[in-house]
Amino acid sequence: MPAPDYKFVVVDAGYFLVREIVNALRSLGAKVLIIRLPLDAATGAPDVSKYGQFIADFASACGRFQPQALITVNHLGFDSQGILTGLLEKLRTPALVWYVDSPKYILKNIQANVSSWIGVFVWEKAYLSWLREVGFSHVHYLPLATDPAIFTASGASNRLTVSPQSLVFVGDSMAATARKALNKLPPDVLEKLGVGAEQWQSGDLQELFSRIEKDWGLPSDVRADAESALTLIATRRRRVEFIQSLLDSHRVGKMAIFGDAAWKDRLRLNGELKDGSLELQPPADYYLDLPGIYRSAGAVLNLTGLQMPTALNQRCYDVPAAGGLLITDEREALSEQFNPGKEIIPYRTRDEMLDKWNFYQDHPAERQSVIEAGKRRVLQEHTYQHRMEQALAVAKRWFNWK
């Protein structure tokens, strides 16, 4: 749906997705005005001392630009007092919010920010019912996508490449992320988690969440922080243990990990691995490094975070767009958006993953067929231009745009 007469104000706080959204909107013919959300240099959170200026900038933009809507990611720009939500209602200007992380752990003081003037898109459909339960009337499932200008050969960077015999994983060990999440919790909650975590290690994460909600009597924001921390810890453990199991199998051959220095401490590196079977590399730049890594690798391993029980993460779109082979853990959304086994290679267990990795190493023609089919599918159906076109069509119905 071209949008030649549409105008949008987009909140930019340095989040990677904003650039892609802006480019996609402009490619559809829309006019875009960007307003900056100042961040605290020490914490990376919005700078509360400058929030008043941000609100004033938005009000001024609405007056002179007359936008169709405000667009933001993960509710960035919204405050716990509901100041921005109230301004949207006063100005009768909708907001379109695209969640690409769990809204349960981001949105604080929900009732101050529920409004019929806010439309919420979410990359994981498991959160749709929760968003409706807390009061949002405009909610829609919108998966992630890719930007061809970044990842296809014509515009992609080849600054960094890897051996075509290497299985590649791009992501950190999450040690610092989990520690930061735990540090947000009060001491008494941390003490309780010392018991809960032991039971949770061999149990169901959702079961622990249910017990926390039922028995602990925590304020909603503290409970959300506790659930977020446990989800991050569980994801970290799954990520580290799975990769360790691959290395222990001695069936990988060569493997390269691009991530934080903590990987060295998290993995048990025996003499053989230190001799060169495993490469531990610094973090890769999304725009400058990933296209070349994805394109040159023998295959890219994907391990989905536990905050997305059904959805596909960014690698599922970027790797095929770059012309790489993706081997990903089985997800419900995979068969909805791709032809599994023909465009992207799924696995359920470690051994199945290793079998498929070795098969495609030994069968280059079959590997190339998957790569070409995956790239074709992504470019035909899963770019950010496709997603913005879908979002605007939904918003048009929500807010009666002409």
Protein backbone atom coordinates (compact mmCIF):
# COMPACT_ATOMS: atom_id res chain seq x y z
CA MET A 1 0.00 0.00 0.00
CA PRO A 2 1.84 3.14 -1.14
CA ALA A 3 1.55 6.03 1.30
CA PRO A 4 2.31 9.19 -0.71
CA ASP A 5 0.26 11.46 1.53
CA TYR A 6 1.14 9.90 4.87
CA LYS A 7 3.39 11.64 7.39
CA PHE A 8 4.88 10.08 10.51
CA VAL A 9 6.90 11.17 13.50
CA VAL A 10 9.35 8.43 14.50
CA VAL A 11 11.02 8.21 17.91
CA ASP A 12 14.75 7.50 17.68
CA ALA A 13 16.68 6.39 20.76
CA GLY A 14 19.49 4.67 18.88
CA TYR A 15 17.67 1.34 18.60
CA PHE A 16 18.73 -0.58 15.49
CA LEU A 17 15.20 -1.10 14.14
CA VAL A 18 14.41 2.60 13.79
CA ARG A 19 16.67 3.06 10.78
CA GLU A 20 14.99 0.17 8.99
CA ILE A 21 11.49 1.44 9.76
CA VAL A 22 12.31 4.93 8.51
CA ASN A 23 13.83 3.61 5.27
CA ALA A 24 10.82 1.35 4.68
CA LEU A 25 8.31 4.15 5.27
CA ARG A 26 10.14 6.44 2.89
CA SER A 27 10.32 3.70 0.26
CA LEU A 28 6.51 3.55 0.46
CA GLY A 29 6.31 7.26 -0.23
CA ALA A 30 5.63 8.48 3.30
CA LYS A 31 7.25 11.58 4.81
CA VAL A 32 9.10 10.98 8.07
CA LEU A 33 10.18 13.37 10.82
CA ILE A 34 12.56 11.91 13.42
CA ILE A 35 12.60 13.16 17.00
CA ARG A 36 15.34 12.07 19.37
CA LEU A 37 14.70 10.55 22.77
CA PRO A 38 17.70 11.61 24.91
CA LEU A 39 19.34 8.77 26.83
CA ASP A 40 21.29 8.79 30.07
CA ALA A 41 24.92 8.14 29.14
CA ALA A 42 25.53 6.07 32.28
CA THR A 43 22.47 3.79 32.22
CA GLY A 44 21.33 3.82 28.61
CA ALA A 45 17.79 4.52 29.83
CA PRO A 46 15.81 7.61 28.78
CA ASP A 47 17.17 10.75 30.43
CA VAL A 48 14.34 11.90 32.72
CA SER A 49 15.89 15.35 33.07
CA LYS A 50 15.36 15.93 29.33
CA TYR A 51 12.00 14.21 28.97
CA GLY A 52 10.09 17.48 29.11
CA GLN A 53 11.98 18.70 26.06
CA PHE A 54 11.16 15.47 24.23
CA ILE A 55 7.44 16.01 24.93
CA ALA A 56 7.71 19.61 23.78
CA ASP A 57 9.49 18.52 20.59
CA PHE A 58 6.73 16.03 19.83
CA ALA A 59 3.96 18.56 20.46
CA SER A 60 5.74 21.05 18.21
CA ALA A 61 6.18 18.40 15.49
CA CYS A 62 2.48 17.61 15.59
CA GLY A 63 1.63 21.29 15.23
CA ARG A 64 3.77 21.98 12.20
CA PHE A 65 3.97 18.53 10.57
CA GLN A 66 0.44 17.17 11.18
CA PRO A 67 1.53 13.52 11.23
CA GLN A 68 -0.70 10.55 10.60
CA ALA A 69 0.81 8.90 13.69
CA LEU A 70 3.74 8.61 16.06
CA ILE A 71 5.77 5.45 15.46
CA THR A 72 8.05 3.90 18.05
CA VAL A 73 9.66 0.59 19.01
CA ASN A 74 9.08 -1.13 22.37
CA HIS A 75 7.06 1.84 23.67
CA LEU A 76 10.18 4.04 23.67
CA GLY A 77 9.20 7.58 24.54
CA PHE A 78 6.28 6.58 26.76
CA ASP A 79 6.54 7.33 30.48
CA SER A 80 5.13 5.66 33.58
CA GLN A 81 2.98 8.73 34.38
CA GLY A 82 1.19 8.54 31.03
CA ILE A 83 2.24 12.04 29.93
CA LEU A 84 2.81 11.10 26.30
CA THR A 85 -0.34 8.97 26.20
CA GLY A 86 -2.38 11.90 27.50
CA LEU A 87 -0.85 14.22 24.91
CA LEU A 88 -1.71 11.78 22.10
CA GLU A 89 -5.32 11.73 23.25
CA LYS A 90 -5.44 15.52 23.52
CA LEU A 91 -3.95 15.97 20.05
CA ARG A 92 -6.04 13.08 18.67
CA THR A 93 -2.87 11.63 17.16
CA PRO A 94 -2.45 7.83 17.15
CA ALA A 95 0.72 6.00 18.08
CA LEU A 96 1.90 2.80 16.42
CA VAL A 97 4.14 0.74 18.72
CA TRP A 98 6.08 -2.26 17.40
CA TYR A 99 7.27 -4.63 20.11
CA VAL A 100 10.32 -6.74 19.31
CA ASP A 101 10.93 -7.68 22.96
CA SER A 102 8.52 -8.86 25.62
CA PRO A 103 6.01 -6.10 26.45
CA LYS A 104 5.51 -7.72 29.87
CA TYR A 105 8.99 -6.64 30.93
CA ILE A 106 9.08 -3.21 29.29
CA LEU A 107 5.77 -1.48 29.81
CA LYS A 108 5.53 -0.04 33.34
CA ASN A 109 2.33 1.33 34.92
CA ILE A 110 0.29 -0.18 32.15
CA GLN A 111 -3.00 1.49 33.01
CA ALA A 112 -1.51 4.96 32.54
CA ASN A 113 -0.58 4.02 28.99
CA VAL A 114 -3.59 2.07 27.74
CA SER A 115 -5.49 4.09 25.17
CA SER A 116 -7.66 3.60 22.11
CA TRP A 117 -5.22 5.97 20.39
CA ILE A 118 -2.41 3.43 20.65
CA GLY A 119 -2.03 0.53 18.22
CA VAL A 120 0.36 -2.22 19.28
CA PHE A 121 2.16 -4.55 16.89
CA VAL A 122 4.03 -7.47 18.39
CA TRP A 123 6.59 -9.80 16.80
CA GLU A 124 5.54 -12.73 19.04
CA LYS A 125 1.88 -13.73 18.84
CA ALA A 126 2.02 -15.34 22.31
CA TYR A 127 1.73 -11.80 23.77
CA LEU A 128 -1.44 -10.85 21.88
CA SER A 129 -3.85 -12.14 24.51
CA TRP A 130 -1.92 -10.48 27.36
CA LEU A 131 -1.97 -7.12 25.60
CA ARG A 132 -5.72 -7.39 25.12
CA GLU A 133 -6.21 -8.45 28.74
CA VAL A 134 -4.43 -5.35 30.06
CA GLY A 135 -6.68 -3.15 27.94
CA PHE A 136 -5.23 -2.48 24.48
CA SER A 137 -8.01 -2.62 21.88
CA HIS A 138 -5.75 -2.33 18.83
CA VAL A 139 -3.32 -5.27 18.77
CA HIS A 140 -1.80 -7.09 15.78
CA TYR A 141 0.87 -9.72 15.08
CA LEU A 142 3.74 -8.34 12.97
CA PRO A 143 6.83 -10.57 12.55
CA LEU A 144 10.35 -9.29 12.12
CA ALA A 145 11.94 -8.85 8.69
CA THR A 146 15.15 -7.77 6.95
CA ASP A 147 16.49 -4.76 5.10
CA PRO A 148 17.81 -5.81 1.66
CA ALA A 149 19.89 -2.65 1.45
CA ILE A 150 21.98 -3.99 4.33
CA PHE A 151 22.16 -7.71 3.63
CA THR A 152 21.87 -8.40 -0.10
CA ALA A 153 25.01 -8.46 -2.21
CA SER A 154 24.45 -5.10 -3.91
CA GLY A 155 24.60 -3.12 -0.69
CA ALA A 156 26.04 -5.49 1.87
CA SER A 157 29.40 -5.12 3.57
CA ASN A 158 32.01 -7.84 3.21
CA ARG A 159 34.33 -6.30 5.77
CA LEU A 160 34.48 -9.51 7.78
CA THR A 161 34.32 -13.07 6.45
CA VAL A 162 34.87 -16.54 7.89
CA SER A 163 35.95 -19.94 6.66
CA PRO A 164 33.28 -21.76 4.57
CA GLN A 165 34.04 -24.80 6.74
CA SER A 166 32.91 -22.96 9.89
CA LEU A 167 29.64 -23.27 11.75
CA VAL A 168 29.02 -19.74 13.06
CA PHE A 169 27.11 -18.46 16.05
CA VAL A 170 26.68 -14.71 16.50
CA GLY A 171 25.65 -13.66 19.99
CA ASP A 172 27.08 -13.03 23.42
CA SER A 173 27.11 -15.37 26.41
CA MET A 174 24.48 -13.17 28.09
CA ALA A 175 26.46 -13.21 31.34
CA ALA A 176 26.45 -9.41 31.67
CA THR A 177 22.82 -9.13 30.53
CA ALA A 178 21.62 -11.62 33.13
CA ARG A 179 23.73 -10.01 35.86
CA LYS A 180 22.30 -6.57 35.03
CA ALA A 181 18.76 -7.94 35.22
CA LEU A 182 19.43 -9.55 38.60
CA ASN A 183 20.95 -6.33 39.95
CA LYS A 184 17.61 -4.57 39.42
CA LEU A 185 15.91 -6.84 41.96
CA PRO A 186 15.52 -6.08 45.70
CA PRO A 187 17.65 -8.19 48.09
CA ASP A 188 14.67 -10.13 49.47
CA VAL A 189 13.63 -11.18 45.95
CA LEU A 190 17.16 -12.26 45.15
CA GLU A 191 17.14 -14.37 48.29
CA LYS A 192 13.90 -16.05 47.25
CA LEU A 193 15.24 -16.69 43.78
CA GLY A 194 18.11 -18.61 45.32
CA VAL A 195 15.53 -21.26 46.23
CA GLY A 196 13.30 -20.82 43.21
CA ALA A 197 16.16 -21.05 40.77
CA GLU A 198 17.12 -24.52 42.01
CA GLN A 199 13.63 -25.84 41.40
CA TRP A 200 13.36 -23.99 38.13
CA GLN A 201 16.59 -25.45 36.69
CA SER A 202 14.94 -28.80 36.10
CA GLY A 203 11.38 -27.54 35.85
CA ASP A 204 9.06 -25.33 33.86
CA LEU A 205 9.79 -21.61 33.68
CA GLN A 206 6.09 -20.76 33.38
CA GLU A 207 5.35 -22.88 36.44
CA LEU A 208 7.85 -20.83 38.44
CA PHE A 209 6.30 -17.60 37.14
CA SER A 210 2.90 -18.81 38.28
CA ARG A 211 4.24 -19.57 41.75
CA ILE A 212 5.91 -16.15 41.98
CA GLU A 213 2.66 -14.42 41.03
CA LYS A 214 0.54 -16.54 43.37
CA ASP A 215 2.73 -16.87 46.45
CA TRP A 216 5.29 -14.09 46.61
CA GLY A 217 3.04 -11.04 46.81
CA LEU A 218 5.34 -8.86 44.72
CA PRO A 219 4.34 -5.54 43.17
CA SER A 220 3.64 -6.00 39.47
CA ASP A 221 6.75 -4.12 38.34
CA VAL A 222 9.04 -6.14 40.64
CA ARG A 223 7.40 -9.37 39.52
CA ALA A 224 7.96 -8.40 35.88
CA ASP A 225 11.63 -7.68 36.62
CA ALA A 226 11.98 -11.06 38.34
CA GLU A 227 10.40 -12.90 35.42
CA SER A 228 12.60 -11.01 32.99
CA ALA A 229 15.74 -11.94 34.93
CA LEU A 230 14.77 -15.61 35.08
CA THR A 231 13.98 -15.66 31.37
CA LEU A 232 17.39 -14.18 30.57
CA ILE A 233 19.16 -16.63 32.88
CA ALA A 234 17.31 -19.56 31.31
CA THR A 235 18.14 -18.35 27.81
CA ARG A 236 21.79 -17.87 28.78
CA ARG A 237 21.98 -21.36 30.24
CA ARG A 238 20.32 -22.94 27.20
CA ARG A 239 22.64 -21.05 24.84
CA VAL A 240 25.84 -21.97 26.66
CA GLU A 241 24.89 -25.59 27.34
CA PHE A 242 23.81 -26.24 23.76
CA ILE A 243 27.00 -24.86 22.28
CA GLN A 244 29.05 -26.76 24.85
CA SER A 245 27.27 -29.96 23.84
CA LEU A 246 28.15 -29.31 20.19
CA LEU A 247 31.80 -28.87 21.07
CA ASP A 248 31.78 -31.98 23.27
CA SER A 249 30.39 -34.06 20.40
CA HIS A 250 33.57 -33.51 18.32
CA ARG A 251 31.34 -33.55 15.22
CA VAL A 252 31.35 -29.84 14.48
CA GLY A 253 34.75 -29.56 12.84
CA LYS A 254 35.29 -25.79 12.87
CA MET A 255 33.15 -23.37 14.83
CA ALA A 256 33.34 -19.59 15.24
CA ILE A 257 31.54 -17.58 17.91
CA PHE A 258 31.23 -13.81 17.62
CA GLY A 259 30.38 -12.44 21.04
CA ASP A 260 31.62 -11.17 24.38
CA ALA A 261 34.81 -12.20 26.17
CA ALA A 262 32.80 -14.14 28.77
CA TRP A 263 32.39 -17.01 26.30
CA LYS A 264 35.93 -18.06 27.18
CA ASP A 265 34.94 -18.47 30.82
CA ARG A 266 31.58 -20.09 30.10
CA LEU A 267 32.83 -22.84 27.80
CA ARG A 268 35.04 -25.71 28.86
CA LEU A 269 37.87 -25.47 26.36
CA ASN A 270 40.01 -28.57 26.21
CA GLY A 271 43.35 -28.84 24.45
CA GLU A 272 41.87 -29.85 21.13
CA LEU A 273 39.61 -26.84 21.01
CA LYS A 274 42.42 -24.50 21.92
CA ASP A 275 44.32 -25.87 18.94
CA GLY A 276 41.98 -24.10 16.56
CA SER A 277 38.69 -25.97 16.17
CA LEU A 278 36.92 -23.11 17.94
CA GLU A 279 37.41 -19.42 17.17
CA LEU A 280 36.24 -16.90 19.77
CA GLN A 281 35.84 -13.54 18.06
CA PRO A 282 34.81 -10.10 19.35
CA PRO A 283 31.22 -8.92 18.85
CA ALA A 284 30.23 -8.32 15.23
CA ASP A 285 28.80 -5.02 14.05
CA TYR A 286 25.25 -5.56 12.76
CA TYR A 287 25.63 -3.33 9.73
CA LEU A 288 29.30 -3.70 8.84
CA ASP A 289 30.14 -7.28 9.82
CA LEU A 290 27.09 -9.52 9.76
CA PRO A 291 26.42 -9.51 5.99
CA GLY A 292 29.90 -10.84 5.23
CA ILE A 293 29.87 -13.34 8.09
CA TYR A 294 26.48 -14.74 7.13
CA ARG A 295 27.36 -15.01 3.46
CA SER A 296 30.73 -16.69 3.90
CA ALA A 297 29.96 -19.14 6.74
CA GLY A 298 29.38 -22.81 6.10
CA ALA A 299 26.17 -22.33 8.09
CA VAL A 300 24.83 -20.02 10.78
CA LEU A 301 23.46 -21.60 13.96
CA ASN A 302 20.35 -20.06 15.49
CA LEU A 303 19.23 -20.52 19.11
CA THR A 304 16.03 -18.63 19.87
CA GLY A 305 15.61 -16.76 23.16
CA LEU A 306 12.96 -17.99 25.58
CA GLN A 307 11.11 -14.67 25.49
CA MET A 308 9.77 -15.78 22.09
CA PRO A 309 8.03 -19.15 22.41
CA THR A 310 6.78 -19.28 18.81
CA ALA A 311 8.33 -16.40 16.83
CA LEU A 312 11.34 -16.13 14.55
CA ASN A 313 14.24 -13.89 15.53
CA GLN A 314 16.30 -11.55 13.39
CA ARG A 315 18.70 -14.20 12.07
CA CYS A 316 15.85 -16.04 10.34
CA TYR A 317 15.48 -13.15 7.91
CA ASP A 318 18.97 -11.63 7.75
CA VAL A 319 20.92 -14.84 7.09
CA PRO A 320 18.87 -15.89 4.02
CA ALA A 321 18.87 -12.30 2.73
CA ALA A 322 22.67 -12.28 2.89
CA GLY A 323 22.88 -15.53 0.94
CA GLY A 324 23.75 -17.71 3.91
CA LEU A 325 22.54 -21.08 5.18
CA LEU A 326 20.59 -20.93 8.46
CA ILE A 327 20.17 -23.94 10.74
CA THR A 328 17.63 -22.96 13.37
CA ASP A 329 15.81 -24.51 16.29
CA GLU A 330 12.27 -25.54 15.36
CA ARG A 331 9.71 -22.75 15.80
CA GLU A 332 5.96 -22.69 15.21
CA ALA A 333 6.23 -19.58 13.05
CA LEU A 334 8.80 -21.20 10.76
CA SER A 335 6.26 -23.21 8.77
CA GLU A 336 3.98 -20.15 8.61
CA GLN A 337 6.59 -18.01 6.88
CA PHE A 338 8.99 -20.44 5.17
CA ASN A 339 9.17 -23.89 3.65
CA PRO A 340 11.23 -25.68 6.35
CA GLY A 341 13.93 -27.92 4.94
CA LYS A 342 13.77 -26.14 1.58
CA GLU A 343 14.47 -22.51 2.54
CA ILE A 344 15.68 -22.72 6.13
CA ILE A 345 16.93 -25.85 7.90
CA PRO A 346 15.21 -26.63 11.24
CA TYR A 347 16.37 -28.96 14.01
CA ARG A 348 14.87 -30.28 17.23
CA THR A 349 17.87 -31.87 18.96
CA ARG A 350 21.62 -31.44 19.08
CA ASP A 351 22.24 -34.63 17.10
CA GLU A 352 19.74 -33.65 14.42
CA MET A 353 21.44 -30.29 14.13
CA LEU A 354 24.86 -31.93 13.74
CA ASP A 355 23.54 -34.39 11.17
CA LYS A 356 22.18 -31.55 9.05
CA TRP A 357 25.30 -29.42 9.47
CA ASN A 358 27.49 -32.29 8.23
CA PHE A 359 25.09 -33.19 5.42
CA TYR A 360 25.16 -29.70 3.91
CA GLN A 361 28.92 -29.51 4.30
CA ASP A 362 29.17 -32.66 2.20
CA HIS A 363 26.48 -31.69 -0.34
CA PRO A 364 27.24 -28.22 -1.74
CA ALA A 365 24.58 -28.38 -4.48
CA GLU A 366 21.81 -29.07 -1.97
CA ARG A 367 23.19 -26.36 0.29
CA GLN A 368 23.12 -23.81 -2.52
CA SER A 369 19.54 -24.76 -3.40
CA VAL A 370 18.41 -23.98 0.15
CA ILE A 371 20.32 -20.70 0.17
CA GLU A 372 18.76 -19.52 -3.10
CA ALA A 373 15.24 -20.53 -2.09
CA GLY A 374 15.56 -18.88 1.33
CA LYS A 375 16.82 -15.65 -0.14
CA ARG A 376 14.06 -15.60 -2.73
CA ARG A 377 11.39 -16.09 -0.05
CA VAL A 378 12.75 -13.35 2.21
CA LEU A 379 13.03 -10.79 -0.56
CA GLN A 380 9.53 -11.58 -1.85
CA GLU A 381 7.73 -11.59 1.50
CA HIS A 382 9.83 -10.61 4.52
CA THR A 383 11.41 -7.19 4.12
CA TYR A 384 10.72 -4.17 6.31
CA GLN A 385 8.93 -2.58 3.40
CA HIS A 386 6.52 -5.53 3.46
CA ARG A 387 6.06 -5.12 7.22
CA MET A 388 5.41 -1.39 7.08
CA GLU A 389 2.96 -1.90 4.24
CA GLN A 390 1.13 -4.49 6.39
CA ALA A 391 1.22 -2.25 9.46
CA LEU A 392 -0.17 0.76 7.62
CA ALA A 393 -3.00 -1.31 6.16
CA VAL A 394 -3.98 -2.40 9.68
CA ALA A 395 -3.60 1.12 11.12
CA LYS A 396 -5.78 2.48 8.34
CA ARG A 397 -8.63 0.27 9.57
CA TRP A 398 -7.97 1.05 13.24
CA PHE A 399 -7.94 4.81 12.87
CA ASN A 400 -10.11 5.34 9.78
CA TRP A 401 -7.38 6.87 7.65
CA LYS A 402 -8.31 7.84 4.12
